[in-house]
Amino acid sequence: MHPRPILALVAVVVVACGGSAASTPDVVATTTILGDVVAHTVEGCGLVVESLMGVGQDPHAYQASPRQVTRLHEADLVVANGLGLEAHLGDVLDAVAREGTPVLRLGPHLDPVARDGADPSVDPHVWMDPLRMADGVELVAETLGGLRPDAADCIRQAGAHYRGEVVATHGRIEALLAAVPVERRLLVTDHRSLGYFAERYGFVEVGALVPSTSTLAEPTPADLEALVEAMETADVSVIFTEVGEPSRLAEAVAAELGRPVEVVPLYVGSLGPPGSGADSYLGMLETDARLVAEALTP
């Protein structure tokens, strides 16, 4: 059974157990995904968890309002992804830390990988590998237990339980993807967001519409020509985009290929809305795995 979904709305408190929008947050997480992970890590422990971003917002492009910056300063702990994901929040998070609020950037602790290519950089999308995020859950629980000794036992137990659910989800994803033949485990994406997923589950990244780990980059004509050639060589007819992102580049590549190309939107940078199947972190992972399997299984 999946943990219940938790909506993360801009400037609205996301409560793990009790609390209201007027409450001072115990934890502020930057993304909807981290908000959900933290909330389930402390579920039942009476902590108020707030997500800075809203459903559907791109963490690469997000900019915080003055009110949201204030909420960061009010928290006992801020949980961020780091590794450049929150491109416009780096200075804000540094300032919050200097003024005394602990900031836990999870990404650097989860064995991040540098990607080669036109825009070589450390890939921030560590949450797309649930086993890495299972270690992240443990780190969040350990950090919060140290900051809140009054709730440390509860946090330790809740964190261990949720970590087990994350690991179990990895097993379900493996089962969902088992039907995809090895020769069809080829990924073309809108930007380089599925590297950790590919490595964990035995896929190969053929290329990306934007050859960067950030949506803020722009491809050159040469980049798109190289992608078309790579797709022709590998006989790839599916492009995995991200829900809410423009599809014009995918359509341009499909037109250049001159044959039908299926465009499949996935949930990557944000949870989905209620009813999407992706309104929790674990639900998002399983929904994406199912969509990948359906698109690539003959």
Foldseek 3Di string as FASTA:
>chain_A
DDDDFWFAAAQWWTALEDDGSVDQAQEEEAAQQVQQLLSQLLRPLGGIYHYNHGFPDQQLPDDGDPVSLVSLLRYQEYEYQDQCRNVRCPVSVVVSVVVPRHYHHLNVVQPWDWDDDPATGTQSQSLLALLSVLVVLVVSLVVVCVSCVVRNVSSNVSSVVVSVVSVVLLVVLLVLQVLFDLLLLEAEEQEPNCPNVCVSNPHYYLYHLFDHSGPVGHDDPVRLVSSLVSCVVSVAQEYEYAPPDDCVSVVVSCVVNVDHHHYHHAHGRHFHDPPPLRSHSSSRSNVRSNSVNVVRRD
